[in-house]
Amino acid sequence: MSKKKLLFITDPYESLAPYREDTSLRMIEAALDLGHDCNLTSYLSLSQDMTTLSCLAYQCVPDHANRIEITEPKTLNLKSFDEIHYRLDPPVDAHYLAPLH
């Protein structure tokens, strides 16, 4: 299996961190174990200008104490990712659907 660059769009990390068993974090942990480059962003950090869709993303790294640690955020073009996983908590409403447009 080749290494992929993955982006997980979730609720803000601060809301996930207290719940270390959050499924998005467990998916990131599994992807890291497989050797993939994982990045995490909040749907709130997505932005678009005339030609580019970007986000403020944190690179995820394995951490034995916390299972996953995040680095300082960087602005990245969404086209730079091989896969994007959209993992917001419901309800499915306009707030949930807006980033998908």
N, C-alpha and C. Protein backbone atom coordinates (compact mmCIF):
# COMPACT_ATOMS: atom_id res chain seq x y z
N MET A 1 0.84 -1.18 0.00
CA MET A 1 0.00 0.00 0.00
C MET A 1 0.89 1.24 0.00
N SER A 2 0.57 2.19 -0.87
CA SER A 2 1.36 3.41 -0.92
C SER A 2 0.87 4.41 0.12
N LYS A 3 1.78 5.25 0.54
CA LYS A 3 1.46 6.28 1.54
C LYS A 3 0.56 7.33 0.90
N LYS A 4 -0.51 7.69 1.61
CA LYS A 4 -1.44 8.70 1.12
C LYS A 4 -1.43 9.90 2.07
N LYS A 5 -1.75 11.05 1.51
CA LYS A 5 -1.91 12.27 2.30
C LYS A 5 -3.41 12.45 2.55
N LEU A 6 -3.82 12.31 3.82
CA LEU A 6 -5.22 12.33 4.19
C LEU A 6 -5.57 13.59 4.96
N LEU A 7 -6.78 14.09 4.73
CA LEU A 7 -7.31 15.21 5.49
C LEU A 7 -8.62 14.77 6.13
N PHE A 8 -8.74 15.01 7.43
CA PHE A 8 -9.98 14.74 8.15
C PHE A 8 -10.59 16.08 8.54
N ILE A 9 -11.77 16.36 8.00
CA ILE A 9 -12.51 17.58 8.35
C ILE A 9 -13.49 17.18 9.43
N THR A 10 -13.34 17.78 10.61
CA THR A 10 -14.14 17.40 11.77
C THR A 10 -14.69 18.64 12.46
N ASP A 11 -15.36 18.39 13.55
CA ASP A 11 -15.68 19.47 14.47
C ASP A 11 -14.34 19.98 15.01
N PRO A 12 -14.30 21.15 15.63
CA PRO A 12 -13.03 21.66 16.15
C PRO A 12 -12.32 20.64 17.05
N TYR A 13 -11.01 20.57 16.92
CA TYR A 13 -10.21 19.60 17.67
C TYR A 13 -10.46 19.68 19.17
N GLU A 14 -10.64 20.90 19.66
CA GLU A 14 -10.85 21.09 21.10
C GLU A 14 -12.09 20.33 21.58
N SER A 15 -13.08 20.20 20.71
CA SER A 15 -14.29 19.46 21.11
C SER A 15 -14.09 17.95 21.00
N LEU A 16 -13.09 17.52 20.23
CA LEU A 16 -12.81 16.09 20.11
C LEU A 16 -11.86 15.61 21.20
N ALA A 17 -10.90 16.46 21.56
CA ALA A 17 -9.83 16.06 22.47
C ALA A 17 -10.30 15.50 23.80
N PRO A 18 -11.33 16.08 24.45
CA PRO A 18 -11.74 15.51 25.73
C PRO A 18 -12.28 14.08 25.59
N TYR A 19 -12.71 13.74 24.42
CA TYR A 19 -13.28 12.42 24.17
C TYR A 19 -12.28 11.61 23.35
N ARG A 20 -11.23 11.16 23.99
CA ARG A 20 -10.12 10.52 23.28
C ARG A 20 -10.56 9.30 22.48
N GLU A 21 -11.76 8.82 22.69
CA GLU A 21 -12.26 7.68 21.93
C GLU A 21 -13.09 8.12 20.72
N ASP A 22 -13.10 9.38 20.39
CA ASP A 22 -13.85 9.87 19.24
C ASP A 22 -13.47 9.06 18.00
N THR A 23 -14.46 8.66 17.20
CA THR A 23 -14.19 7.80 16.05
C THR A 23 -13.28 8.45 15.02
N SER A 24 -13.38 9.76 14.85
CA SER A 24 -12.48 10.43 13.91
C SER A 24 -11.03 10.29 14.35
N LEU A 25 -10.79 10.48 15.65
CA LEU A 25 -9.43 10.33 16.16
C LEU A 25 -8.95 8.89 16.04
N ARG A 26 -9.83 7.94 16.22
CA ARG A 26 -9.43 6.53 16.08
C ARG A 26 -9.12 6.20 14.62
N MET A 27 -9.87 6.79 13.68
CA MET A 27 -9.56 6.57 12.26
C MET A 27 -8.20 7.17 11.91
N ILE A 28 -7.90 8.34 12.45
CA ILE A 28 -6.59 8.96 12.22
C ILE A 28 -5.49 8.07 12.79
N GLU A 29 -5.71 7.58 14.00
CA GLU A 29 -4.72 6.70 14.63
C GLU A 29 -4.47 5.46 13.77
N ALA A 30 -5.51 4.85 13.25
CA ALA A 30 -5.36 3.66 12.40
C ALA A 30 -4.62 4.01 11.11
N ALA A 31 -4.94 5.15 10.52
CA ALA A 31 -4.26 5.58 9.29
C ALA A 31 -2.78 5.85 9.54
N LEU A 32 -2.47 6.45 10.69
CA LEU A 32 -1.07 6.67 11.04
C LEU A 32 -0.33 5.35 11.20
N ASP A 33 -0.99 4.37 11.82
CA ASP A 33 -0.40 3.04 11.98
C ASP A 33 -0.09 2.38 10.63
N LEU A 34 -0.87 2.73 9.61
CA LEU A 34 -0.65 2.21 8.27
C LEU A 34 0.40 3.01 7.50
N GLY A 35 0.91 4.08 8.11
CA GLY A 35 1.97 4.87 7.49
C GLY A 35 1.51 6.06 6.68
N HIS A 36 0.24 6.40 6.76
CA HIS A 36 -0.27 7.54 6.00
C HIS A 36 0.06 8.86 6.69
N ASP A 37 0.11 9.92 5.90
CA ASP A 37 0.32 11.29 6.39
C ASP A 37 -1.07 11.85 6.68
N CYS A 38 -1.38 12.08 7.96
CA CYS A 38 -2.72 12.52 8.35
C CYS A 38 -2.73 13.97 8.82
N ASN A 39 -3.78 14.66 8.41
CA ASN A 39 -3.97 16.06 8.78
C ASN A 39 -5.40 16.24 9.25
N LEU A 40 -5.58 17.17 10.17
CA LEU A 40 -6.88 17.42 10.77
C LEU A 40 -7.22 18.90 10.64
N THR A 41 -8.46 19.18 10.25
CA THR A 41 -8.92 20.56 10.19
C THR A 41 -10.36 20.62 10.66
N SER A 42 -10.78 21.80 11.03
CA SER A 42 -12.18 22.03 11.39
C SER A 42 -12.90 22.58 10.17
N TYR A 43 -14.16 22.25 10.06
CA TYR A 43 -14.97 22.81 8.98
C TYR A 43 -14.98 24.35 9.05
N LEU A 44 -14.70 24.90 10.22
CA LEU A 44 -14.67 26.35 10.39
C LEU A 44 -13.47 27.01 9.72
N SER A 45 -12.43 26.22 9.41
CA SER A 45 -11.22 26.82 8.83
C SER A 45 -11.16 26.70 7.31
N LEU A 46 -12.19 26.17 6.69
CA LEU A 46 -12.21 26.08 5.23
C LEU A 46 -12.39 27.47 4.64
N SER A 47 -11.64 27.76 3.58
CA SER A 47 -11.78 29.07 2.93
C SER A 47 -11.57 28.92 1.44
N GLN A 48 -12.12 29.86 0.70
CA GLN A 48 -12.00 29.83 -0.75
C GLN A 48 -11.76 31.22 -1.27
N ASP A 49 -10.77 31.33 -2.18
CA ASP A 49 -10.61 32.57 -2.91
C ASP A 49 -11.03 32.29 -4.35
N MET A 50 -10.62 33.09 -5.28
CA MET A 50 -11.07 32.93 -6.67
C MET A 50 -10.64 31.59 -7.29
N THR A 51 -9.50 31.05 -6.86
CA THR A 51 -8.99 29.84 -7.52
C THR A 51 -8.66 28.68 -6.58
N THR A 52 -8.65 28.92 -5.27
CA THR A 52 -8.13 27.92 -4.35
C THR A 52 -9.05 27.67 -3.17
N LEU A 53 -9.27 26.41 -2.87
CA LEU A 53 -9.97 26.01 -1.66
C LEU A 53 -8.90 25.54 -0.69
N SER A 54 -8.83 26.15 0.47
CA SER A 54 -7.77 25.83 1.42
C SER A 54 -8.33 25.68 2.83
N CYS A 55 -7.45 25.26 3.73
CA CYS A 55 -7.83 25.10 5.13
C CYS A 55 -6.61 25.31 6.01
N LEU A 56 -6.85 25.56 7.26
CA LEU A 56 -5.82 25.63 8.27
C LEU A 56 -5.77 24.25 8.90
N ALA A 57 -4.74 23.46 8.58
CA ALA A 57 -4.68 22.06 8.98
C ALA A 57 -3.54 21.78 9.94
N TYR A 58 -3.78 20.84 10.84
CA TYR A 58 -2.79 20.37 11.79
C TYR A 58 -2.31 18.99 11.32
N GLN A 59 -1.02 18.81 11.25
CA GLN A 59 -0.51 17.47 10.95
C GLN A 59 -0.63 16.64 12.22
N CYS A 60 -1.05 15.40 12.07
CA CYS A 60 -1.22 14.48 13.20
C CYS A 60 -0.01 13.56 13.26
N VAL A 61 0.49 13.36 14.46
CA VAL A 61 1.62 12.45 14.67
C VAL A 61 1.28 11.52 15.82
N PRO A 62 1.81 10.29 15.78
CA PRO A 62 1.55 9.36 16.89
C PRO A 62 2.18 9.88 18.17
N ASP A 63 1.50 9.66 19.27
CA ASP A 63 2.00 10.04 20.58
C ASP A 63 1.59 8.94 21.55
N HIS A 64 2.55 8.31 22.19
CA HIS A 64 2.24 7.16 23.04
C HIS A 64 1.38 7.53 24.24
N ALA A 65 1.52 8.73 24.77
CA ALA A 65 0.74 9.13 25.94
C ALA A 65 -0.69 9.51 25.55
N ASN A 66 -0.83 10.29 24.48
CA ASN A 66 -2.15 10.78 24.08
C ASN A 66 -2.73 10.08 22.85
N ARG A 67 -1.98 9.16 22.27
CA ARG A 67 -2.34 8.42 21.06
C ARG A 67 -2.15 9.25 19.81
N ILE A 68 -2.57 10.52 19.82
CA ILE A 68 -2.38 11.41 18.67
C ILE A 68 -2.02 12.79 19.21
N GLU A 69 -1.04 13.40 18.58
CA GLU A 69 -0.66 14.77 18.91
C GLU A 69 -0.77 15.57 17.62
N ILE A 70 -1.08 16.87 17.72
CA ILE A 70 -1.16 17.71 16.53
C ILE A 70 -0.06 18.76 16.58
N THR A 71 0.38 19.17 15.39
CA THR A 71 1.44 20.18 15.26
C THR A 71 0.81 21.56 15.09
N GLU A 72 1.67 22.56 14.92
CA GLU A 72 1.18 23.91 14.62
C GLU A 72 0.46 23.88 13.28
N PRO A 73 -0.63 24.63 13.15
CA PRO A 73 -1.40 24.60 11.90
C PRO A 73 -0.67 25.29 10.74
N LYS A 74 -0.98 24.80 9.54
CA LYS A 74 -0.47 25.40 8.30
C LYS A 74 -1.63 25.54 7.33
N THR A 75 -1.58 26.56 6.50
CA THR A 75 -2.58 26.72 5.45
C THR A 75 -2.20 25.82 4.29
N LEU A 76 -3.13 24.94 3.90
CA LEU A 76 -2.88 23.96 2.84
C LEU A 76 -4.01 23.99 1.82
N ASN A 77 -3.65 23.77 0.57
CA ASN A 77 -4.59 23.65 -0.53
C ASN A 77 -5.26 22.28 -0.45
N LEU A 78 -6.57 22.23 -0.55
CA LEU A 78 -7.26 20.93 -0.47
C LEU A 78 -6.90 20.00 -1.62
N LYS A 79 -6.44 20.56 -2.74
CA LYS A 79 -6.02 19.71 -3.86
C LYS A 79 -4.75 18.91 -3.55
N SER A 80 -4.06 19.26 -2.48
CA SER A 80 -2.81 18.56 -2.14
C SER A 80 -3.07 17.22 -1.45
N PHE A 81 -4.33 16.91 -1.14
CA PHE A 81 -4.65 15.68 -0.42
C PHE A 81 -5.13 14.59 -1.37
N ASP A 82 -4.75 13.36 -1.05
CA ASP A 82 -5.22 12.20 -1.82
C ASP A 82 -6.65 11.83 -1.45
N GLU A 83 -6.99 11.98 -0.17
CA GLU A 83 -8.34 11.67 0.31
C GLU A 83 -8.75 12.71 1.34
N ILE A 84 -10.05 13.05 1.32
CA ILE A 84 -10.61 13.96 2.32
C ILE A 84 -11.79 13.24 2.97
N HIS A 85 -11.76 13.17 4.30
CA HIS A 85 -12.81 12.51 5.07
C HIS A 85 -13.58 13.58 5.85
N TYR A 86 -14.86 13.68 5.58
CA TYR A 86 -15.72 14.69 6.21
C TYR A 86 -16.46 14.02 7.36
N ARG A 87 -16.14 14.40 8.61
CA ARG A 87 -16.61 13.67 9.78
C ARG A 87 -17.21 14.59 10.84
N LEU A 88 -18.21 15.38 10.48
CA LEU A 88 -18.87 16.24 11.46
C LEU A 88 -19.94 15.47 12.21
N ASP A 89 -20.17 15.88 13.43
CA ASP A 89 -21.27 15.29 14.20
C ASP A 89 -22.59 15.85 13.71
N PRO A 90 -23.63 15.02 13.64
CA PRO A 90 -24.96 15.51 13.28
C PRO A 90 -25.46 16.53 14.31
N PRO A 91 -26.50 17.27 14.06
CA PRO A 91 -27.56 16.99 13.09
C PRO A 91 -27.17 17.40 11.68
N VAL A 92 -27.79 16.75 10.71
CA VAL A 92 -27.57 17.09 9.31
C VAL A 92 -28.53 18.24 8.99
N ASP A 93 -27.97 19.45 8.97
CA ASP A 93 -28.75 20.65 8.71
C ASP A 93 -27.90 21.57 7.82
N ALA A 94 -28.32 22.81 7.65
CA ALA A 94 -27.59 23.74 6.79
C ALA A 94 -26.18 23.95 7.28
N HIS A 95 -25.99 24.00 8.60
CA HIS A 95 -24.65 24.16 9.20
C HIS A 95 -23.75 22.98 8.82
N TYR A 96 -24.30 21.79 8.79
CA TYR A 96 -23.57 20.57 8.44
C TYR A 96 -23.26 20.53 6.93
N LEU A 97 -24.24 20.91 6.12
CA LEU A 97 -24.12 20.77 4.67
C LEU A 97 -23.31 21.88 3.99
N ALA A 98 -23.23 23.05 4.58
CA ALA A 98 -22.58 24.20 3.93
C ALA A 98 -21.19 23.91 3.41
N PRO A 99 -20.28 23.29 4.19
CA PRO A 99 -18.95 23.03 3.66
C PRO A 99 -18.90 22.05 2.48
N LEU A 100 -19.93 21.26 2.32
CA LEU A 100 -19.96 20.30 1.22
C LEU A 100 -20.22 20.97 -0.14
N HIS A 101 -20.77 22.17 -0.11
CA HIS A 101 -21.05 22.87 -1.35
C HIS A 101 -19.77 23.40 -1.94
